[in-house]
Protein backbone atom coordinates (compact mmCIF):
# COMPACT_ATOMS: atom_id res chain seq x y z
CA MET A 1 101.77 122.10 94.13
CA SER A 2 103.73 119.49 95.88
CA LEU A 3 102.13 117.42 98.59
CA LYS A 4 105.11 115.83 99.82
CA LYS A 5 105.36 115.91 103.29
CA LYS A 6 102.40 118.42 103.40
CA ALA A 7 100.33 116.01 105.63
CA ALA A 8 100.40 112.95 107.76
CA ILE A 9 98.83 109.99 109.01
CA VAL A 10 98.65 110.41 112.97
CA GLY A 11 95.95 107.66 114.05
CA VAL A 12 94.53 104.94 113.15
CA TYR A 13 92.13 102.15 114.59
CA GLU A 14 90.70 98.89 112.92
CA HIS A 15 87.84 97.78 114.28
CA PRO A 16 88.19 93.79 115.93
CA THR A 17 84.96 92.74 114.93
CA ARG A 18 84.15 90.43 112.00
CA PHE A 19 80.39 90.04 112.92
CA ALA A 20 78.59 92.38 114.46
CA PRO A 21 74.85 91.58 114.70
CA SER A 22 74.24 93.85 117.64
CA LYS A 23 75.59 97.05 115.80
CA THR A 24 74.91 99.59 113.33
CA SER A 25 77.58 100.75 110.77
CA TYR A 26 77.40 104.03 112.40
CA GLN A 27 78.03 102.79 115.67
CA LEU A 28 81.02 100.98 114.24
CA ILE A 29 82.19 104.17 112.76
CA ALA A 30 82.09 106.12 115.86
CA GLU A 31 83.79 103.63 118.03
CA SER A 32 86.56 103.75 115.09
CA ALA A 33 86.78 107.10 114.91
CA ARG A 34 86.83 108.05 118.82
CA ALA A 35 89.73 105.02 118.91
CA ALA A 36 91.81 106.41 115.93
CA LEU A 37 91.64 109.98 117.41
CA ALA A 38 93.01 108.64 120.85
CA ASP A 39 95.52 107.18 119.03
CA ALA A 40 96.48 110.65 117.99
CA GLY A 41 95.98 112.14 120.97
CA LEU A 42 93.09 114.51 119.43
CA THR A 43 89.03 114.40 120.03
CA ILE A 44 86.38 114.71 117.88
CA LYS A 45 86.21 118.19 118.69
CA ASP A 46 89.40 118.62 116.49
CA VAL A 47 87.89 117.32 113.38
CA ASP A 48 87.01 120.02 110.82
CA GLY A 49 87.43 117.46 107.48
CA MET A 50 85.12 114.19 107.32
CA PHE A 51 86.05 111.53 104.47
CA ASN A 52 83.47 108.67 103.75
CA ALA A 53 82.39 106.43 101.31
CA GLY A 54 79.83 103.87 101.37
CA ALA A 55 77.62 105.20 104.63
CA GLY A 56 74.19 106.04 104.78
CA GLY A 57 72.97 106.46 101.14
CA ILE A 58 72.73 109.98 99.31
CA LEU A 59 73.00 111.99 102.40
CA GLY A 60 75.41 109.74 104.11
CA SER A 61 77.93 112.31 104.87
CA LEU A 62 75.22 114.69 106.53
CA ALA A 63 73.67 111.89 108.58
CA LEU A 64 76.98 110.89 109.66
CA ALA A 65 77.88 114.08 110.72
CA ASP A 66 74.80 114.48 112.77
CA TYR A 67 75.52 110.73 114.35
CA LEU A 68 79.24 112.12 115.37
CA ASN A 69 78.15 115.34 116.48
CA ILE A 70 80.53 117.82 114.33
CA ASN A 71 80.25 120.27 111.61
CA PRO A 72 83.06 120.06 109.40
CA SER A 73 84.01 122.78 107.09
CA TYR A 74 85.36 120.33 104.41
CA THR A 75 83.70 117.00 103.15
CA ASP A 76 84.43 114.42 100.54
CA THR A 77 82.00 111.52 99.65
CA THR A 78 84.08 110.26 96.58
CA ASN A 79 83.14 106.76 95.99
CA PHE A 80 85.10 104.45 93.44
CA GLY A 81 84.58 101.26 95.42
CA GLY A 82 87.05 99.61 97.53
CA SER A 83 89.73 101.62 96.62
CA SER A 84 88.19 105.20 97.66
CA PHE A 85 89.77 105.36 101.19
CA VAL A 86 93.56 105.20 99.61
CA GLY A 87 92.07 108.00 97.36
CA HIS A 88 90.57 109.86 100.24
CA ALA A 89 93.87 110.10 102.19
CA GLY A 90 95.28 111.81 98.91
CA HIS A 91 92.47 113.96 98.92
CA ALA A 92 93.14 114.49 102.78
CA ALA A 93 96.50 115.63 102.17
CA ALA A 94 95.63 118.12 99.26
CA ALA A 95 92.95 119.90 101.46
CA ILE A 96 94.91 120.14 104.39
CA ALA A 97 97.92 121.46 101.94
CA ALA A 98 95.26 124.05 100.85
CA GLY A 99 94.51 125.22 104.18
CA LEU A 100 90.56 123.72 103.55
CA CYS A 101 91.04 121.52 106.81
CA ASN A 102 93.33 120.52 109.64
CA VAL A 103 92.17 117.70 110.91
CA ALA A 104 90.85 115.46 108.30
CA LEU A 105 88.78 111.92 109.60
CA ILE A 106 88.54 109.09 106.81
CA THR A 107 86.01 106.68 108.30
CA TYR A 108 84.38 103.20 106.72
CA SER A 109 82.26 100.60 107.76
CA ALA A 110 79.98 97.68 106.60
CA THR A 111 78.09 94.63 108.00
CA PRO A 112 77.59 92.66 104.81
CA VAL A 113 77.38 89.70 107.25
CA SER A 114 75.21 90.48 109.61
CA ALA A 115 72.79 92.94 107.79
CA PRO A 116 70.11 91.79 105.88
CA GLY A 117 70.95 91.36 102.43
CA GLY A 118 74.11 90.02 102.47
CA ALA A 119 77.55 91.13 100.58
CA GLY A 120 76.55 90.66 96.81
CA LEU A 121 80.07 89.92 95.81
CA VAL A 122 79.13 87.48 93.42
CA GLY A 123 76.37 90.05 92.10
CA THR A 124 76.50 92.34 89.22
CA MET A 125 77.73 96.07 89.28
CA GLY A 126 74.20 97.36 87.56
CA GLY A 127 72.77 100.80 87.65
CA ASP A 128 75.26 102.37 85.49
CA PRO A 129 74.49 103.29 81.74
CA SER A 130 76.80 100.61 80.53
CA SER A 131 75.23 97.95 82.40
CA GLU A 132 72.34 97.36 79.89
CA PHE A 133 75.22 95.89 77.34
CA GLU A 134 76.74 93.57 79.78
CA LEU A 135 73.94 92.07 82.84
CA PRO A 136 72.08 90.50 79.74
CA TYR A 137 75.19 88.16 79.38
CA GLY A 138 75.36 87.17 83.21
CA VAL A 139 78.75 89.25 83.87
CA THR A 140 79.32 89.36 87.51
CA ILE A 141 82.03 90.33 89.79
CA ILE A 142 84.06 87.56 89.98
CA ASN A 143 83.42 86.84 86.43
CA GLY A 144 85.13 89.85 85.38
CA TYR A 145 88.38 89.07 87.76
CA ALA A 146 88.48 85.31 86.52
CA MET A 147 88.44 86.58 82.66
CA THR A 148 91.13 88.67 83.42
CA ALA A 149 93.12 85.84 85.00
CA ARG A 150 92.60 83.54 82.08
CA LEU A 151 93.64 86.28 80.15
CA HIS A 152 96.95 86.63 81.87
CA MET A 153 97.62 82.71 81.70
CA HIS A 154 97.07 82.47 78.38
CA LYS A 155 99.43 85.31 77.36
CA TYR A 156 102.20 84.95 80.11
CA GLY A 157 101.84 81.64 80.97
CA THR A 158 100.87 82.49 84.58
CA THR A 159 100.05 79.37 86.54
CA ALA A 160 96.95 78.25 89.12
CA GLU A 161 99.99 77.50 91.67
CA GLN A 162 101.41 80.83 91.42
CA LEU A 163 97.97 82.76 92.31
CA ALA A 164 97.70 80.30 94.99
CA GLU A 165 101.00 81.24 96.72
CA ILE A 166 99.41 84.63 97.01
CA ALA A 167 96.58 83.14 98.99
CA VAL A 168 98.83 80.80 100.98
CA THR A 169 101.13 84.05 102.16
CA MET A 170 98.01 86.04 103.17
CA ARG A 171 97.01 83.42 105.47
CA MET A 172 100.39 82.68 106.90
CA HIS A 173 99.94 86.45 107.85
CA ALA A 174 96.65 86.12 109.24
CA SER A 175 97.28 83.29 111.11
CA MET A 176 99.30 86.03 113.48
CA ASN A 177 96.56 88.50 113.59
CA PRO A 178 93.96 87.56 116.37
CA HIS A 179 91.24 89.51 114.50
CA ALA A 180 91.58 87.65 111.37
CA LYS A 181 88.44 85.78 110.12
CA TYR A 182 90.64 82.88 108.59
CA ARG A 183 93.65 81.84 110.86
CA ASP A 184 94.37 78.45 109.89
CA PRO A 185 97.31 77.62 107.33
CA ILE A 186 96.55 76.70 104.07
CA THR A 187 98.96 75.09 101.05
CA VAL A 188 99.01 75.65 97.32
CA GLU A 189 97.16 72.16 97.41
CA ASP A 190 94.77 73.25 99.71
CA VAL A 191 93.95 76.23 97.14
CA LEU A 192 93.95 74.02 94.00
CA LYS A 193 91.72 71.70 95.73
CA SER A 194 89.05 74.34 96.96
CA ARG A 195 85.76 74.57 94.33
CA VAL A 196 86.25 76.55 91.70
CA ILE A 197 83.97 79.59 91.78
CA SER A 198 84.53 81.00 88.13
CA SER A 199 87.29 79.49 86.54
CA PRO A 200 90.54 79.75 87.05
CA LEU A 201 89.65 81.26 90.62
CA HIS A 202 89.08 78.94 93.29
CA LEU A 203 87.26 79.37 96.55
CA LEU A 204 90.80 80.30 98.38
CA ASP A 205 91.66 82.69 95.47
CA CYS A 206 88.90 84.87 96.53
CA CYS A 207 88.40 87.54 99.86
CA VAL A 208 86.48 86.32 102.51
CA VAL A 209 83.00 88.38 103.50
CA SER A 210 82.99 89.89 106.97
CA ASP A 211 81.82 92.86 108.91
CA GLY A 212 84.08 95.35 109.52
CA ALA A 213 84.95 99.20 110.19
CA GLY A 214 88.31 101.42 110.85
CA ALA A 215 88.95 105.16 110.58
CA VAL A 216 92.27 107.17 109.75
CA VAL A 217 93.01 110.55 110.81
CA MET A 218 95.39 113.20 109.40
CA THR A 219 96.53 116.60 110.03
CA THR A 220 99.23 119.30 109.21
CA ALA A 221 102.91 118.05 109.08
CA GLU A 222 103.83 120.72 111.56
CA ARG A 223 101.15 119.54 114.09
CA ALA A 224 102.03 116.06 113.57
CA ARG A 225 105.13 116.26 115.13
CA ASP A 226 103.73 117.29 118.34
CA LEU A 227 101.35 114.83 118.78
CA ARG A 228 101.31 111.20 120.15
CA LYS A 229 102.52 108.55 117.64
CA LYS A 230 105.34 109.09 115.27
CA PRO A 231 103.95 110.76 111.92
CA VAL A 232 103.71 109.06 108.68
CA TYR A 233 103.93 111.39 105.72
CA VAL A 234 102.15 111.29 102.79
CA LEU A 235 104.42 111.78 99.49
CA GLY A 236 102.54 111.15 96.88
CA SER A 237 99.54 110.21 95.13
CA GLY A 238 98.02 109.12 92.14
CA GLU A 239 94.66 108.05 90.54
CA GLY A 240 93.08 106.26 87.69
CA MET A 241 90.13 104.81 85.83
CA ARG A 242 89.78 101.80 82.99
CA HIS A 243 86.11 101.43 81.21
CA GLY A 244 84.48 99.69 78.36
CA ALA A 245 86.48 102.29 76.15
CA ALA A 246 83.57 102.37 73.23
CA GLY A 247 84.72 98.16 72.84
CA LYS A 248 88.24 98.42 72.64
CA ARG A 249 89.03 97.47 76.45
CA ASP A 250 92.40 96.03 77.02
CA LEU A 251 91.86 93.79 80.26
CA LEU A 252 95.37 93.63 81.20
CA ASP A 253 95.72 97.35 81.07
CA ILE A 254 94.49 98.18 84.56
CA ALA A 255 94.26 101.56 86.09
CA THR A 256 97.02 100.88 88.56
CA ASN A 257 99.53 101.82 85.72
CA ASP A 258 98.25 105.23 86.13
CA SER A 259 97.83 105.86 89.84
CA GLY A 260 101.20 104.10 90.50
CA ARG A 261 102.94 106.38 87.91
CA LEU A 262 101.55 109.27 89.00
CA ALA A 263 102.34 108.38 92.72
CA TYR A 264 105.57 107.73 91.80
CA GLU A 265 106.30 111.24 89.79
CA ARG A 266 104.89 113.23 92.50
CA ALA A 267 107.01 111.65 95.60
CA GLY A 268 110.16 111.57 93.30
CA LEU A 269 110.28 107.90 94.03
CA THR A 270 110.75 104.91 91.75
CA PRO A 271 109.69 101.21 92.78
CA LYS A 272 113.16 100.55 94.25
CA ASP A 273 112.54 102.85 97.21
CA ILE A 274 109.73 101.23 98.31
CA ASP A 275 110.40 98.55 101.32
CA MET A 276 106.74 97.29 101.75
CA ALA A 277 103.36 97.43 100.14
CA MET A 278 99.50 96.81 101.13
CA ILE A 279 97.87 95.96 98.05
CA TYR A 280 94.38 95.65 97.42
CA ASP A 281 93.53 91.64 97.65
CA SER A 282 89.78 90.82 96.33
CA PHE A 283 91.34 88.32 94.41
CA THR A 284 94.62 86.62 94.07
CA ILE A 285 94.69 87.97 90.27
CA THR A 286 94.21 91.50 91.61
CA VAL A 287 97.33 91.13 93.47
CA MET A 288 99.40 90.05 90.98
CA MET A 289 98.52 92.59 88.43
CA GLN A 290 99.10 95.33 90.35
CA LEU A 291 102.35 94.47 91.92
CA GLU A 292 103.34 94.55 87.74
CA ALA A 293 101.67 97.52 87.36
CA LEU A 294 103.09 99.46 90.15
CA GLY A 295 106.69 98.52 88.78
CA PHE A 296 107.86 95.93 91.14
CA CYS A 297 108.35 93.55 88.13
CA LYS A 298 107.48 93.54 84.55
CA HIS A 299 104.17 92.77 82.80
CA GLY A 300 103.69 89.21 82.79
CA GLU A 301 106.37 88.20 85.45
CA GLY A 302 104.37 88.29 88.31
CA GLY A 303 103.52 84.79 88.40
CA ALA A 304 107.70 84.37 89.06
CA PHE A 305 107.81 87.42 91.64
CA VAL A 306 105.25 86.49 93.92
CA SER A 307 106.36 82.31 93.82
CA GLY A 308 109.33 81.33 96.59
CA GLY A 309 107.63 83.20 99.40
CA ARG A 310 109.03 86.54 98.31
CA LEU A 311 106.07 88.61 99.61
CA ARG A 312 106.05 86.86 103.56
CA TYR A 313 106.39 89.04 106.26
CA ASP A 314 110.20 88.11 106.90
CA ARG A 315 111.21 88.29 103.31
CA GLU A 316 112.45 90.74 100.92
CA PHE A 317 108.98 92.22 99.76
CA PRO A 318 106.67 91.98 102.74
CA ILE A 319 102.83 92.80 101.51
CA ASN A 320 99.24 92.54 103.34
CA THR A 321 101.03 91.71 106.67
CA ASP A 322 97.56 91.86 108.12
CA GLY A 323 96.43 88.80 106.35
CA GLY A 324 94.55 91.19 103.42
CA GLY A 325 91.40 90.49 102.16
CA LEU A 326 91.64 87.05 101.30
CA SER A 327 92.22 85.96 104.81
CA SER A 328 91.71 88.69 107.37
CA ASN A 329 88.40 90.97 106.51
CA HIS A 330 86.73 92.35 103.90
CA PRO A 331 83.48 94.14 104.63
CA GLY A 332 82.79 95.37 100.59
CA MET A 333 85.22 98.15 100.16
CA ARG A 334 88.80 97.50 102.11
CA GLY A 335 90.93 100.60 101.08
CA ILE A 336 90.87 101.81 104.71
CA PHE A 337 92.91 98.83 106.15
CA LEU A 338 95.58 99.23 103.53
CA LEU A 339 95.99 102.87 105.29
CA ILE A 340 96.05 101.10 108.84
CA GLU A 341 98.20 98.83 108.41
CA SER A 342 100.75 100.15 106.35
CA THR A 343 100.86 102.67 108.99
CA ARG A 344 101.21 100.13 112.21
CA GLN A 345 104.14 98.66 110.03
CA LEU A 346 105.95 102.06 109.41
CA ARG A 347 105.25 102.71 113.13
CA GLY A 348 106.92 99.16 114.21
CA GLU A 349 103.59 98.27 115.51
CA GLY A 350 102.60 95.51 113.42
CA GLY A 351 102.69 92.96 116.20
CA PRO A 352 103.89 89.23 115.38
CA SER A 353 103.97 89.40 111.47
CA GLN A 354 105.90 92.93 111.51
CA ALA A 355 108.11 93.06 108.56
CA LYS A 356 111.76 91.70 109.66
CA LYS A 357 113.39 94.00 107.16
CA PRO A 358 113.71 98.05 108.25
CA LEU A 359 110.89 99.90 107.08
CA THR A 360 110.80 103.61 105.69
CA THR A 361 108.30 103.80 102.82
CA ALA A 362 105.65 102.06 101.73
CA MET A 363 103.32 102.23 98.70
CA VAL A 364 99.18 101.83 99.22
CA SER A 365 97.76 100.95 96.32
CA GLY A 366 94.26 99.43 95.77
CA ILE A 367 91.58 98.98 93.03
CA GLY A 368 87.52 99.66 93.15
CA GLY A 369 85.35 98.18 90.70
CA ASN A 370 85.98 95.13 88.28
CA LEU A 371 89.07 94.51 86.34
CA GLY A 372 86.95 92.63 83.94
CA TYR A 373 85.13 95.92 82.62
CA ARG A 374 85.43 98.99 84.71
CA HIS A 375 87.32 99.87 87.86
CA ALA A 376 89.16 102.89 89.71
CA ALA A 377 92.71 102.75 91.26
CA ALA A 378 94.36 104.81 93.98
CA SER A 379 98.14 104.73 95.27
CA LEU A 380 99.58 106.58 97.86
CA ILE A 381 103.32 106.43 99.08
CA ILE A 382 103.72 106.97 102.65
CA SER A 383 106.98 107.34 104.72
CA ASN A 384 108.25 107.58 108.43
CA GLN A 385 110.98 110.13 107.96
């Protein structure tokens, strides 16, 4: 069954907080949900599908439904890390097309800065069966990405300067976002002079750590036409996974190769049809490798592709126009903000960093987990026509 234009994003909201010591994650979700529904011209009583990852532990969906005082007939708590919410949008489109729900609410919130325990972004990803073979060697999240970056440099000649250009562009976009955590402009030299966290990645090659929350509302294409804002239709989605593969893992073969291919096939489009992208930017290398995997340039040519300011809001291929995880916000799992900003851009609501070129179609793509050992990817193609 084709999902093309069967469902649409009709409401979005990004909570402006980057530090919320006086609020719980559930409070932030409730505030974001209320605002996203108002954006669509709907209320909490309209919601019959709930999509969430990362809130409340094993019974998180039940606790959240209780907190919001809703009784959804369809619930999805799929969690594969930061890109879970991009996957949720595809799942919601499928559920809506199948008649399993009519109004889907996708939410996320986390407070890694203000809550005890911090973010743990340099820690391990233990707890799964394979960890016993990795943890003794001290593998951390950033180590995995750094290994992948080093291999990309070794095989293709990618340079630290090229990776730094990504961080510089994201900071430029953040400088126009009043809610971004870091807004002061930076240069390539600034990135290279920032301390090395895990070679070859410097501090400014790494995402920020912040509190944050957001919500997205989706419904049928038919109902969307009568709501408050211009619909943003789902055209195609895809997912993929990579893992240890019994020791035969190629670090440069990432799951986005599968998720992107499936999204294009299901949308009936090619990379040339995409006007802009929101790409998960946990690290600069994450962006470069996804751009390659999504077909915007050939594998190994990412360094040249990101150079010369190509990714700026006022150039030929704008990405992460809100400042991304590298400068705006990153509360642990950032995929929902990719959906929110791409929707704003396709509506023409991007503010000072609104893309200068006309926009029709956007690619939203993210990775959850670790490029260095196991991760999942989700890709979504959306359009305002």
